[in-house]
Amino acid sequence: MTRTLVVGASGGIGRALVQNLRNRGEGVMALSRGVDGLDVTNEQSIIDGLGRLDGPFDRIIVATGSLSSGGHGPEKTLKSLDPVAIAAQFALNATGPALVLKHALRLMPRDRRSVFAVLSARVGSIGDNRLGGWYSYRASKAALNQLIHTAAIEVARSHRQAICVALHPGTVATAFTENYRNHETVPAAQAAANLLGVMDGLSAADTGGFFDWAGNLVEW
């Protein structure tokens, strides 16, 4: 049976991923801060949470993230920049998922295909940025993309069939985006199905890539 670990399983997309996988009859391990106390901004919490698990997992999906922190929403201007808020965005959106990979690598099989996927965002694309604003969120997602791309090179040396990718789910109708929806949205269940479809179609040649919900490459 295919086994998947979902980190951030209490969020809108995370819950939908867990439900979709269970509907497919696959084995799912769900971890979250609210239910299991796994805080991706705290490395010891990641060590403790993942240390209790036995692999291998065919998929590990990190579905954590935030558009704002500490009462600070996405910045529209330079004068809104706050160093504490910027650091918090990086800790949750970039450093956290990278640390999950650091400690989850032992849970990935070396002898067969596996996928490690993080939820990124198109606004993290430097090449696609034509509107400006959202400094911390954009920068943290761009950093996440670089961390995953870099890690994919290293992981391929020990896990030749592993696929490490960043995925853009589109604008999903969840509490996460409730106050920031400027585009058409899709239900979380549909977003989850889209993302799983993309993961199912990837090969080892795609490792290190940044893909949208339809499987198209997103420019860096």
N, C-alpha and C. Protein backbone atom coordinates (compact mmCIF):
# COMPACT_ATOMS: atom_id res chain seq x y z
N MET A 1 0.84 -1.20 0.00
CA MET A 1 0.00 0.00 0.00
C MET A 1 0.88 1.26 0.00
N THR A 2 0.53 2.22 -0.84
CA THR A 2 1.23 3.49 -0.87
C THR A 2 1.00 4.23 0.44
N ARG A 3 2.08 4.80 1.00
CA ARG A 3 1.98 5.52 2.27
C ARG A 3 2.38 6.97 2.06
N THR A 4 1.60 7.87 2.65
CA THR A 4 1.87 9.29 2.54
C THR A 4 1.88 9.92 3.92
N LEU A 5 2.84 10.82 4.15
CA LEU A 5 2.88 11.64 5.36
C LEU A 5 2.52 13.05 4.97
N VAL A 6 1.51 13.61 5.64
CA VAL A 6 1.10 14.99 5.41
C VAL A 6 1.43 15.80 6.65
N VAL A 7 2.32 16.77 6.53
CA VAL A 7 2.66 17.68 7.61
C VAL A 7 1.89 18.98 7.38
N GLY A 8 1.14 19.40 8.38
CA GLY A 8 0.25 20.54 8.20
C GLY A 8 -1.14 20.07 7.84
N ALA A 9 -1.53 18.94 8.43
CA ALA A 9 -2.78 18.27 8.03
C ALA A 9 -4.03 18.94 8.58
N SER A 10 -3.89 19.96 9.42
CA SER A 10 -5.08 20.60 9.96
C SER A 10 -5.49 21.84 9.15
N GLY A 11 -4.67 22.25 8.20
CA GLY A 11 -5.02 23.37 7.34
C GLY A 11 -6.00 22.95 6.26
N GLY A 12 -6.53 23.92 5.54
CA GLY A 12 -7.53 23.62 4.53
C GLY A 12 -7.05 22.65 3.47
N ILE A 13 -5.90 22.91 2.88
CA ILE A 13 -5.38 22.02 1.85
C ILE A 13 -4.88 20.72 2.47
N GLY A 14 -4.24 20.81 3.63
CA GLY A 14 -3.75 19.62 4.30
C GLY A 14 -4.86 18.63 4.61
N ARG A 15 -5.97 19.11 5.16
CA ARG A 15 -7.11 18.24 5.46
C ARG A 15 -7.66 17.61 4.19
N ALA A 16 -7.75 18.41 3.14
CA ALA A 16 -8.28 17.90 1.88
C ALA A 16 -7.36 16.84 1.28
N LEU A 17 -6.07 17.01 1.42
CA LEU A 17 -5.12 16.00 0.93
C LEU A 17 -5.30 14.69 1.69
N VAL A 18 -5.41 14.78 3.00
CA VAL A 18 -5.59 13.58 3.82
C VAL A 18 -6.86 12.85 3.42
N GLN A 19 -7.96 13.59 3.26
CA GLN A 19 -9.23 12.96 2.91
C GLN A 19 -9.18 12.34 1.52
N ASN A 20 -8.58 13.04 0.58
CA ASN A 20 -8.48 12.51 -0.78
C ASN A 20 -7.67 11.22 -0.80
N LEU A 21 -6.57 11.19 -0.09
CA LEU A 21 -5.73 10.00 -0.06
C LEU A 21 -6.46 8.83 0.60
N ARG A 22 -7.20 9.11 1.66
CA ARG A 22 -7.96 8.05 2.32
C ARG A 22 -9.05 7.53 1.40
N ASN A 23 -9.67 8.43 0.65
CA ASN A 23 -10.69 7.99 -0.31
C ASN A 23 -10.09 7.09 -1.39
N ARG A 24 -8.83 7.29 -1.68
CA ARG A 24 -8.13 6.45 -2.66
C ARG A 24 -7.68 5.13 -2.06
N GLY A 25 -7.89 4.95 -0.77
CA GLY A 25 -7.50 3.71 -0.12
C GLY A 25 -6.04 3.63 0.22
N GLU A 26 -5.37 4.79 0.29
CA GLU A 26 -3.94 4.80 0.59
C GLU A 26 -3.71 5.02 2.08
N GLY A 27 -2.56 4.59 2.55
CA GLY A 27 -2.19 4.81 3.94
C GLY A 27 -1.75 6.24 4.16
N VAL A 28 -2.25 6.88 5.20
CA VAL A 28 -1.95 8.29 5.46
C VAL A 28 -1.57 8.48 6.92
N MET A 29 -0.47 9.18 7.16
CA MET A 29 -0.10 9.66 8.48
C MET A 29 -0.24 11.17 8.46
N ALA A 30 -1.07 11.71 9.32
CA ALA A 30 -1.34 13.15 9.34
C ALA A 30 -0.76 13.77 10.60
N LEU A 31 0.04 14.83 10.43
CA LEU A 31 0.63 15.54 11.55
C LEU A 31 0.32 17.03 11.42
N SER A 32 0.08 17.68 12.55
CA SER A 32 -0.18 19.11 12.54
C SER A 32 0.19 19.71 13.89
N ARG A 33 0.30 21.02 13.93
CA ARG A 33 0.60 21.69 15.18
C ARG A 33 -0.58 21.61 16.14
N GLY A 34 -1.79 21.82 15.60
CA GLY A 34 -2.97 21.84 16.45
C GLY A 34 -3.28 20.52 17.10
N VAL A 35 -3.09 19.41 16.38
CA VAL A 35 -3.45 18.09 16.89
C VAL A 35 -2.26 17.39 17.53
N ASP A 36 -1.10 17.48 16.90
CA ASP A 36 0.05 16.70 17.34
C ASP A 36 1.17 17.53 17.96
N GLY A 37 1.01 18.86 17.91
CA GLY A 37 2.03 19.72 18.48
C GLY A 37 3.28 19.87 17.64
N LEU A 38 3.21 19.47 16.37
CA LEU A 38 4.38 19.59 15.50
C LEU A 38 4.45 21.02 14.94
N ASP A 39 5.42 21.76 15.41
CA ASP A 39 5.61 23.16 15.01
C ASP A 39 6.83 23.23 14.10
N VAL A 40 6.61 23.52 12.82
CA VAL A 40 7.72 23.51 11.86
C VAL A 40 8.69 24.66 12.08
N THR A 41 8.34 25.63 12.93
CA THR A 41 9.28 26.71 13.24
C THR A 41 10.21 26.35 14.39
N ASN A 42 10.05 25.15 14.93
CA ASN A 42 10.86 24.68 16.05
C ASN A 42 11.51 23.36 15.66
N GLU A 43 12.82 23.35 15.47
CA GLU A 43 13.47 22.14 14.97
C GLU A 43 13.31 20.96 15.93
N GLN A 44 13.36 21.21 17.23
CA GLN A 44 13.21 20.10 18.17
C GLN A 44 11.83 19.48 18.06
N SER A 45 10.82 20.30 17.81
CA SER A 45 9.47 19.79 17.61
C SER A 45 9.41 18.88 16.38
N ILE A 46 10.11 19.26 15.32
CA ILE A 46 10.17 18.42 14.11
C ILE A 46 10.89 17.11 14.41
N ILE A 47 11.99 17.21 15.12
CA ILE A 47 12.75 16.00 15.47
C ILE A 47 11.89 15.04 16.28
N ASP A 48 11.19 15.59 17.26
CA ASP A 48 10.35 14.76 18.12
C ASP A 48 9.19 14.15 17.34
N GLY A 49 8.53 14.96 16.52
CA GLY A 49 7.36 14.49 15.77
C GLY A 49 7.71 13.43 14.75
N LEU A 50 8.77 13.67 13.98
CA LEU A 50 9.15 12.72 12.94
C LEU A 50 9.91 11.52 13.53
N GLY A 51 10.55 11.74 14.68
CA GLY A 51 11.31 10.66 15.30
C GLY A 51 10.45 9.50 15.76
N ARG A 52 9.16 9.76 15.94
CA ARG A 52 8.24 8.70 16.38
C ARG A 52 7.73 7.86 15.21
N LEU A 53 8.09 8.23 13.98
CA LEU A 53 7.54 7.56 12.81
C LEU A 53 8.52 6.52 12.24
N ASP A 54 7.94 5.51 11.64
CA ASP A 54 8.72 4.52 10.90
C ASP A 54 8.38 4.63 9.43
N GLY A 55 9.38 4.64 8.60
CA GLY A 55 9.17 4.69 7.16
C GLY A 55 9.10 3.30 6.57
N PRO A 56 9.15 3.23 5.25
CA PRO A 56 9.27 4.39 4.38
C PRO A 56 7.90 4.97 3.98
N PHE A 57 7.93 6.23 3.57
CA PHE A 57 6.74 6.90 3.01
C PHE A 57 7.01 7.17 1.53
N ASP A 58 6.02 6.85 0.71
CA ASP A 58 6.15 7.09 -0.73
C ASP A 58 5.98 8.56 -1.08
N ARG A 59 5.22 9.27 -0.25
CA ARG A 59 5.05 10.72 -0.42
C ARG A 59 5.18 11.38 0.94
N ILE A 60 5.85 12.51 0.96
CA ILE A 60 5.83 13.39 2.13
C ILE A 60 5.45 14.76 1.62
N ILE A 61 4.36 15.29 2.16
CA ILE A 61 3.83 16.57 1.69
C ILE A 61 3.82 17.55 2.85
N VAL A 62 4.45 18.70 2.67
CA VAL A 62 4.44 19.75 3.68
C VAL A 62 3.44 20.81 3.25
N ALA A 63 2.32 20.86 3.97
CA ALA A 63 1.22 21.74 3.59
C ALA A 63 1.06 22.90 4.57
N THR A 64 2.16 23.32 5.18
CA THR A 64 2.12 24.44 6.11
C THR A 64 2.36 25.75 5.37
N GLY A 65 2.07 26.87 6.04
CA GLY A 65 2.33 28.17 5.44
C GLY A 65 1.42 29.23 5.99
N SER A 66 1.80 30.48 5.78
CA SER A 66 0.99 31.59 6.25
C SER A 66 1.26 32.83 5.42
N LEU A 67 0.22 33.63 5.23
CA LEU A 67 0.36 34.89 4.52
C LEU A 67 0.71 36.04 5.46
N SER A 68 0.47 35.84 6.75
CA SER A 68 0.71 36.91 7.71
C SER A 68 1.15 36.30 9.04
N SER A 69 1.68 37.13 9.91
CA SER A 69 2.10 36.65 11.22
C SER A 69 2.10 37.80 12.21
N GLY A 70 1.75 37.47 13.45
CA GLY A 70 1.79 38.47 14.51
C GLY A 70 0.97 39.71 14.24
N GLY A 71 -0.14 39.55 13.52
CA GLY A 71 -0.99 40.70 13.23
C GLY A 71 -0.52 41.52 12.05
N HIS A 72 0.57 41.12 11.42
CA HIS A 72 1.07 41.84 10.25
C HIS A 72 0.57 41.15 8.98
N GLY A 73 -0.20 41.85 8.18
CA GLY A 73 -0.65 41.31 6.91
C GLY A 73 0.41 41.49 5.84
N PRO A 74 0.16 40.98 4.63
CA PRO A 74 1.12 41.17 3.53
C PRO A 74 1.38 42.65 3.29
N GLU A 75 2.66 43.01 3.20
CA GLU A 75 3.02 44.42 3.07
C GLU A 75 2.75 44.93 1.66
N LYS A 76 2.20 46.12 1.58
CA LYS A 76 1.96 46.73 0.27
C LYS A 76 3.06 47.72 -0.11
N THR A 77 3.79 48.23 0.91
CA THR A 77 4.82 49.23 0.65
C THR A 77 6.05 48.95 1.50
N LEU A 78 7.16 49.53 1.10
CA LEU A 78 8.40 49.39 1.86
C LEU A 78 8.27 49.89 3.29
N LYS A 79 7.49 50.96 3.49
CA LYS A 79 7.37 51.52 4.83
C LYS A 79 6.66 50.59 5.80
N SER A 80 6.04 49.54 5.25
CA SER A 80 5.34 48.58 6.11
C SER A 80 6.24 47.44 6.57
N LEU A 81 7.46 47.39 6.08
CA LEU A 81 8.34 46.27 6.42
C LEU A 81 8.69 46.29 7.91
N ASP A 82 8.60 45.09 8.49
CA ASP A 82 8.93 44.90 9.90
C ASP A 82 9.85 43.69 10.00
N PRO A 83 11.04 43.85 10.57
CA PRO A 83 12.01 42.74 10.57
C PRO A 83 11.52 41.51 11.33
N VAL A 84 10.75 41.69 12.37
CA VAL A 84 10.23 40.56 13.13
C VAL A 84 9.23 39.78 12.29
N ALA A 85 8.37 40.50 11.59
CA ALA A 85 7.38 39.85 10.74
C ALA A 85 8.05 39.13 9.57
N ILE A 86 9.09 39.73 9.01
CA ILE A 86 9.82 39.08 7.91
C ILE A 86 10.45 37.78 8.40
N ALA A 87 11.08 37.82 9.55
CA ALA A 87 11.72 36.62 10.10
C ALA A 87 10.70 35.54 10.37
N ALA A 88 9.52 35.92 10.84
CA ALA A 88 8.47 34.94 11.12
C ALA A 88 7.98 34.27 9.84
N GLN A 89 7.86 35.05 8.78
CA GLN A 89 7.44 34.48 7.50
C GLN A 89 8.48 33.49 6.96
N PHE A 90 9.74 33.84 7.08
CA PHE A 90 10.79 32.93 6.62
C PHE A 90 10.82 31.66 7.46
N ALA A 91 10.63 31.80 8.77
CA ALA A 91 10.67 30.62 9.65
C ALA A 91 9.58 29.63 9.29
N LEU A 92 8.38 30.12 9.00
CA LEU A 92 7.25 29.23 8.71
C LEU A 92 7.23 28.77 7.26
N ASN A 93 7.47 29.68 6.33
CA ASN A 93 7.29 29.36 4.91
C ASN A 93 8.52 28.77 4.23
N ALA A 94 9.69 29.01 4.76
CA ALA A 94 10.91 28.54 4.10
C ALA A 94 11.74 27.59 4.97
N THR A 95 12.18 28.09 6.12
CA THR A 95 13.04 27.28 6.98
C THR A 95 12.34 26.03 7.46
N GLY A 96 11.09 26.17 7.89
CA GLY A 96 10.34 25.03 8.43
C GLY A 96 10.25 23.86 7.48
N PRO A 97 9.75 24.04 6.26
CA PRO A 97 9.69 22.92 5.31
C PRO A 97 11.06 22.31 5.01
N ALA A 98 12.11 23.15 4.96
CA ALA A 98 13.45 22.63 4.70
C ALA A 98 13.92 21.75 5.86
N LEU A 99 13.58 22.14 7.08
CA LEU A 99 13.94 21.33 8.24
C LEU A 99 13.15 20.02 8.28
N VAL A 100 11.91 20.06 7.79
CA VAL A 100 11.15 18.81 7.69
C VAL A 100 11.88 17.85 6.75
N LEU A 101 12.34 18.35 5.62
CA LEU A 101 13.09 17.49 4.69
C LEU A 101 14.37 16.97 5.35
N LYS A 102 15.06 17.83 6.08
CA LYS A 102 16.28 17.43 6.76
C LYS A 102 16.05 16.19 7.63
N HIS A 103 14.95 16.20 8.38
CA HIS A 103 14.71 15.12 9.33
C HIS A 103 13.79 14.02 8.78
N ALA A 104 13.19 14.25 7.62
CA ALA A 104 12.32 13.24 7.01
C ALA A 104 13.03 12.40 5.97
N LEU A 105 14.24 12.79 5.60
CA LEU A 105 14.94 12.07 4.55
C LEU A 105 15.10 10.59 4.90
N ARG A 106 15.30 10.29 6.18
CA ARG A 106 15.46 8.89 6.59
C ARG A 106 14.18 8.09 6.40
N LEU A 107 13.05 8.78 6.24
CA LEU A 107 11.76 8.11 6.06
C LEU A 107 11.43 7.86 4.60
N MET A 108 12.29 8.30 3.70
CA MET A 108 12.06 8.12 2.27
C MET A 108 12.82 6.90 1.76
N PRO A 109 12.20 6.09 0.91
CA PRO A 109 12.87 4.88 0.42
C PRO A 109 14.02 5.21 -0.52
N ARG A 110 15.06 4.40 -0.47
CA ARG A 110 16.19 4.57 -1.35
C ARG A 110 16.08 3.72 -2.61
N ASP A 111 15.20 2.69 -2.56
CA ASP A 111 15.17 1.70 -3.64
C ASP A 111 13.99 1.86 -4.59
N ARG A 112 13.21 2.94 -4.45
CA ARG A 112 12.07 3.13 -5.34
C ARG A 112 11.68 4.61 -5.38
N ARG A 113 10.75 4.93 -6.23
CA ARG A 113 10.28 6.30 -6.41
C ARG A 113 9.65 6.83 -5.14
N SER A 114 9.92 8.10 -4.85
CA SER A 114 9.26 8.78 -3.74
C SER A 114 9.13 10.26 -4.09
N VAL A 115 8.22 10.94 -3.41
CA VAL A 115 7.99 12.37 -3.67
C VAL A 115 8.04 13.13 -2.35
N PHE A 116 8.81 14.21 -2.33
CA PHE A 116 8.78 15.17 -1.23
C PHE A 116 8.30 16.48 -1.83
N ALA A 117 7.12 16.94 -1.42
CA ALA A 117 6.51 18.14 -2.03
C ALA A 117 6.18 19.17 -0.96
N VAL A 118 6.44 20.42 -1.28
CA VAL A 118 6.07 21.53 -0.40
C VAL A 118 5.12 22.45 -1.14
N LEU A 119 4.24 23.09 -0.39
CA LEU A 119 3.33 24.05 -1.01
C LEU A 119 4.02 25.40 -1.10
N SER A 120 4.29 25.81 -2.31
CA SER A 120 4.86 27.13 -2.56
C SER A 120 3.75 28.03 -3.09
N ALA A 121 4.10 29.04 -3.86
CA ALA A 121 3.10 29.96 -4.41
C ALA A 121 3.69 30.66 -5.62
N ARG A 122 2.85 30.93 -6.60
CA ARG A 122 3.33 31.61 -7.80
C ARG A 122 3.90 32.99 -7.47
N VAL A 123 3.40 33.62 -6.42
CA VAL A 123 3.93 34.94 -6.06
C VAL A 123 5.38 34.83 -5.57
N GLY A 124 5.86 33.62 -5.33
CA GLY A 124 7.25 33.43 -4.99
C GLY A 124 8.16 33.44 -6.20
N SER A 125 7.58 33.48 -7.38
CA SER A 125 8.37 33.53 -8.61
C SER A 125 8.91 34.94 -8.81
N ILE A 126 10.22 35.07 -8.92
CA ILE A 126 10.83 36.38 -9.17
C ILE A 126 10.53 36.83 -10.60
N GLY A 127 10.62 35.89 -11.54
CA GLY A 127 10.37 36.23 -12.94
C GLY A 127 8.95 36.64 -13.23
N ASP A 128 7.99 36.14 -12.43
CA ASP A 128 6.58 36.42 -12.67
C ASP A 128 6.07 37.62 -11.88
N ASN A 129 6.94 38.25 -11.11
CA ASN A 129 6.51 39.35 -10.23
C ASN A 129 6.41 40.65 -11.02
N ARG A 130 5.18 41.05 -11.32
CA ARG A 130 4.95 42.30 -12.06
C ARG A 130 4.10 43.29 -11.28
N LEU A 131 3.66 42.90 -10.08
CA LEU A 131 2.78 43.76 -9.29
C LEU A 131 3.45 44.33 -8.05
N GLY A 132 4.51 43.69 -7.57
CA GLY A 132 5.16 44.15 -6.36
C GLY A 132 4.34 43.83 -5.12
N GLY A 133 4.74 44.40 -4.00
CA GLY A 133 4.03 44.16 -2.75
C GLY A 133 4.25 42.77 -2.19
N TRP A 134 3.63 42.50 -1.03
CA TRP A 134 3.70 41.20 -0.36
C TRP A 134 5.16 40.77 -0.18
N TYR A 135 5.97 41.69 0.29
CA TYR A 135 7.42 41.47 0.36
C TYR A 135 7.81 40.19 1.10
N SER A 136 7.36 40.04 2.33
CA SER A 136 7.79 38.91 3.16
C SER A 136 7.32 37.59 2.59
N TYR A 137 6.07 37.55 2.18
CA TYR A 137 5.51 36.30 1.66
C TYR A 137 6.20 35.90 0.37
N ARG A 138 6.35 36.86 -0.55
CA ARG A 138 7.04 36.58 -1.82
C ARG A 138 8.47 36.08 -1.56
N ALA A 139 9.18 36.80 -0.71
CA ALA A 139 10.59 36.47 -0.46
C ALA A 139 10.73 35.12 0.22
N SER A 140 9.83 34.81 1.16
CA SER A 140 9.93 33.53 1.87
C SER A 140 9.62 32.36 0.94
N LYS A 141 8.68 32.54 0.03
CA LYS A 141 8.38 31.47 -0.92
C LYS A 141 9.48 31.32 -1.96
N ALA A 142 10.10 32.43 -2.36
CA ALA A 142 11.25 32.35 -3.27
C ALA A 142 12.39 31.61 -2.58
N ALA A 143 12.58 31.87 -1.30
CA ALA A 143 13.62 31.17 -0.54
C ALA A 143 13.28 29.68 -0.44
N LEU A 144 12.02 29.37 -0.21
CA LEU A 144 11.60 27.97 -0.15
C LEU A 144 11.93 27.26 -1.47
N ASN A 145 11.62 27.91 -2.58
CA ASN A 145 11.90 27.30 -3.88
C ASN A 145 13.39 27.00 -4.04
N GLN A 146 14.23 27.93 -3.62
CA GLN A 146 15.68 27.73 -3.72
C GLN A 146 16.15 26.61 -2.80
N LEU A 147 15.61 26.56 -1.60
CA LEU A 147 15.98 25.49 -0.67
C LEU A 147 15.63 24.11 -1.22
N ILE A 148 14.44 23.99 -1.79
CA ILE A 148 14.01 22.70 -2.34
C ILE A 148 14.82 22.34 -3.58
N HIS A 149 15.07 23.32 -4.43
CA HIS A 149 15.87 23.05 -5.64
C HIS A 149 17.27 22.59 -5.26
N THR A 150 17.87 23.26 -4.27
CA THR A 150 19.21 22.90 -3.83
C THR A 150 19.23 21.53 -3.16
N ALA A 151 18.25 21.29 -2.30
CA ALA A 151 18.19 20.00 -1.61
C ALA A 151 17.98 18.86 -2.58
N ALA A 152 17.22 19.09 -3.65
CA ALA A 152 16.95 18.04 -4.62
C ALA A 152 18.24 17.50 -5.23
N ILE A 153 19.21 18.38 -5.42
CA ILE A 153 20.49 17.96 -5.99
C ILE A 153 21.20 17.01 -5.05
N GLU A 154 21.20 17.34 -3.76
CA GLU A 154 21.85 16.48 -2.77
C GLU A 154 21.09 15.17 -2.57
N VAL A 155 19.77 15.27 -2.44
CA VAL A 155 18.96 14.07 -2.18
C VAL A 155 19.13 13.05 -3.31
N ALA A 156 19.26 13.52 -4.54
CA ALA A 156 19.39 12.61 -5.68
C ALA A 156 20.63 11.73 -5.60
N ARG A 157 21.61 12.15 -4.83
CA ARG A 157 22.84 11.35 -4.71
C ARG A 157 22.61 10.09 -3.88
N SER A 158 21.72 10.15 -2.92
CA SER A 158 21.45 8.99 -2.07
C SER A 158 20.12 8.32 -2.38
N HIS A 159 19.18 9.09 -2.95
CA HIS A 159 17.85 8.59 -3.28
C HIS A 159 17.61 8.89 -4.77
N ARG A 160 18.10 8.01 -5.61
CA ARG A 160 18.15 8.29 -7.05
C ARG A 160 16.77 8.46 -7.69
N GLN A 161 15.75 7.88 -7.10
CA GLN A 161 14.41 7.98 -7.67
C GLN A 161 13.53 8.98 -6.93
N ALA A 162 14.12 9.73 -6.01
CA ALA A 162 13.35 10.71 -5.25
C ALA A 162 13.03 11.94 -6.09
N ILE A 163 11.89 12.54 -5.83
CA ILE A 163 11.43 13.73 -6.54
C ILE A 163 11.10 14.79 -5.49
N CYS A 164 11.91 15.84 -5.43
CA CYS A 164 11.68 16.94 -4.48
C CYS A 164 11.18 18.15 -5.27
N VAL A 165 9.99 18.61 -4.96
CA VAL A 165 9.38 19.68 -5.77
C VAL A 165 8.64 20.70 -4.92
N ALA A 166 8.51 21.89 -5.47
CA ALA A 166 7.65 22.94 -4.93
C ALA A 166 6.41 23.01 -5.81
N LEU A 167 5.24 23.12 -5.19
CA LEU A 167 3.98 23.11 -5.94
C LEU A 167 3.15 24.35 -5.63
N HIS A 168 2.60 24.94 -6.68
CA HIS A 168 1.67 26.06 -6.53
C HIS A 168 0.25 25.53 -6.67
N PRO A 169 -0.56 25.58 -5.60
CA PRO A 169 -1.89 24.98 -5.66
C PRO A 169 -2.96 25.84 -6.31
N GLY A 170 -2.62 27.08 -6.69
CA GLY A 170 -3.64 28.01 -7.15
C GLY A 170 -4.21 28.75 -5.95
N THR A 171 -5.20 29.59 -6.19
CA THR A 171 -5.86 30.28 -5.09
C THR A 171 -6.99 29.40 -4.59
N VAL A 172 -6.83 28.91 -3.38
CA VAL A 172 -7.75 27.92 -2.83
C VAL A 172 -8.66 28.58 -1.80
N ALA A 173 -9.91 28.20 -1.82
CA ALA A 173 -10.90 28.77 -0.90
C ALA A 173 -10.74 28.17 0.49
N THR A 174 -9.82 28.74 1.26
CA THR A 174 -9.59 28.30 2.64
C THR A 174 -9.49 29.54 3.53
N ALA A 175 -9.43 29.31 4.84
CA ALA A 175 -9.26 30.42 5.77
C ALA A 175 -7.95 31.16 5.52
N PHE A 176 -6.97 30.44 5.02
CA PHE A 176 -5.65 30.99 4.69
C PHE A 176 -5.78 32.18 3.74
N THR A 177 -6.67 32.09 2.76
CA THR A 177 -6.76 33.11 1.71
C THR A 177 -8.01 33.99 1.83
N GLU A 178 -8.75 33.81 2.90
CA GLU A 178 -10.08 34.44 2.99
C GLU A 178 -10.05 35.95 2.75
N ASN A 179 -9.04 36.63 3.26
CA ASN A 179 -8.98 38.09 3.14
C ASN A 179 -8.13 38.57 1.97
N TYR A 180 -7.63 37.63 1.15
CA TYR A 180 -6.68 38.02 0.10
C TYR A 180 -6.99 37.38 -1.24
N ARG A 181 -8.25 37.24 -1.56
CA ARG A 181 -8.60 36.56 -2.80
C ARG A 181 -8.86 37.57 -3.91
N ASN A 182 -7.90 37.67 -4.82
CA ASN A 182 -8.04 38.57 -5.96
C ASN A 182 -8.24 37.81 -7.27
N HIS A 183 -8.32 36.47 -7.17
CA HIS A 183 -8.47 35.63 -8.35
C HIS A 183 -9.57 34.61 -8.08
N GLU A 184 -9.95 33.92 -9.14
CA GLU A 184 -10.90 32.84 -8.96
C GLU A 184 -10.30 31.79 -8.03
N THR A 185 -11.15 31.23 -7.20
CA THR A 185 -10.68 30.22 -6.25
C THR A 185 -11.23 28.85 -6.61
N VAL A 186 -10.57 27.82 -6.08
CA VAL A 186 -11.06 26.46 -6.23
C VAL A 186 -11.26 25.88 -4.83
N PRO A 187 -12.22 24.97 -4.65
CA PRO A 187 -12.39 24.34 -3.34
C PRO A 187 -11.15 23.56 -2.96
N ALA A 188 -10.94 23.42 -1.66
CA ALA A 188 -9.75 22.70 -1.18
C ALA A 188 -9.71 21.27 -1.71
N ALA A 189 -10.87 20.62 -1.78
CA ALA A 189 -10.90 19.23 -2.27
C ALA A 189 -10.40 19.14 -3.71
N GLN A 190 -10.78 20.12 -4.54
CA GLN A 190 -10.33 20.11 -5.93
C GLN A 190 -8.84 20.42 -6.01
N ALA A 191 -8.38 21.36 -5.18
CA ALA A 191 -6.95 21.68 -5.16
C ALA A 191 -6.13 20.46 -4.77
N ALA A 192 -6.61 19.72 -3.77
CA ALA A 192 -5.89 18.52 -3.33
C ALA A 192 -5.82 17.49 -4.46
N ALA A 193 -6.94 17.29 -5.15
CA ALA A 193 -6.95 16.33 -6.26
C ALA A 193 -5.99 16.78 -7.36
N ASN A 194 -5.96 18.08 -7.64
CA ASN A 194 -5.04 18.60 -8.66
C ASN A 194 -3.59 18.34 -8.27
N LEU A 195 -3.25 18.63 -7.02
CA LEU A 195 -1.87 18.47 -6.57
C LEU A 195 -1.44 17.01 -6.59
N LEU A 196 -2.32 16.12 -6.16
CA LEU A 196 -1.98 14.70 -6.18
C LEU A 196 -1.82 14.21 -7.61
N GLY A 197 -2.63 14.74 -8.51
CA GLY A 197 -2.49 14.38 -9.92
C GLY A 197 -1.15 14.80 -10.48
N VAL A 198 -0.69 16.00 -10.09
CA VAL A 198 0.62 16.47 -10.53
C VAL A 198 1.71 15.56 -9.98
N MET A 199 1.63 15.25 -8.69
CA MET A 199 2.65 14.39 -8.07
C MET A 199 2.68 13.01 -8.72
N ASP A 200 1.52 12.48 -9.03
CA ASP A 200 1.46 11.15 -9.66
C ASP A 200 2.15 11.13 -11.01
N GLY A 201 2.18 12.27 -11.69
CA GLY A 201 2.74 12.31 -13.04
C GLY A 201 4.21 12.69 -13.12
N LEU A 202 4.84 12.96 -11.97
CA LEU A 202 6.24 13.38 -11.98
C LEU A 202 7.19 12.19 -12.04
N SER A 203 8.37 12.44 -12.60
CA SER A 203 9.42 11.43 -12.62
C SER A 203 10.67 12.02 -11.96
N ALA A 204 11.68 11.19 -11.78
CA ALA A 204 12.92 11.64 -11.15
C ALA A 204 13.56 12.79 -11.93
N ALA A 205 13.28 12.86 -13.22
CA ALA A 205 13.84 13.94 -14.03
C ALA A 205 13.26 15.30 -13.65
N ASP A 206 12.13 15.30 -12.94
CA ASP A 206 11.47 16.55 -12.56
C ASP A 206 11.92 17.07 -11.20
N THR A 207 12.78 16.32 -10.51
CA THR A 207 13.17 16.74 -9.17
C THR A 207 13.83 18.11 -9.20
N GLY A 208 13.53 18.90 -8.18
CA GLY A 208 14.05 20.25 -8.10
C GLY A 208 13.19 21.27 -8.80
N GLY A 209 12.06 20.84 -9.36
CA GLY A 209 11.21 21.74 -10.13
C GLY A 209 10.17 22.48 -9.32
N PHE A 210 9.55 23.45 -9.96
CA PHE A 210 8.49 24.29 -9.38
C PHE A 210 7.32 24.20 -10.36
N PHE A 211 6.23 23.54 -9.93
CA PHE A 211 5.10 23.25 -10.80
C PHE A 211 3.81 23.84 -10.25
N ASP A 212 2.91 24.21 -11.16
CA ASP A 212 1.61 24.69 -10.71
C ASP A 212 0.63 23.52 -10.64
N TRP A 213 -0.61 23.84 -10.27
CA TRP A 213 -1.63 22.83 -10.02
C TRP A 213 -1.99 22.01 -11.27
N ALA A 214 -1.63 22.54 -12.45
CA ALA A 214 -1.92 21.83 -13.69
C ALA A 214 -0.70 21.05 -14.19
N GLY A 215 0.39 21.09 -13.45
CA GLY A 215 1.59 20.37 -13.86
C GLY A 215 2.52 21.18 -14.74
N ASN A 216 2.24 22.47 -14.91
CA ASN A 216 3.10 23.31 -15.74
C ASN A 216 4.23 23.88 -14.91
N LEU A 217 5.41 23.98 -15.51
CA LEU A 217 6.55 24.59 -14.83
C LEU A 217 6.28 26.07 -14.58
N VAL A 218 6.65 26.54 -13.40
CA VAL A 218 6.55 27.96 -13.06
C VAL A 218 7.96 28.53 -13.11
N GLU A 219 8.11 29.70 -13.72
CA GLU A 219 9.45 30.29 -13.82
C GLU A 219 9.94 30.71 -12.44
N TRP A 220 11.24 30.68 -12.28
CA TRP A 220 11.83 31.03 -10.99
C TRP A 220 11.75 32.52 -10.75
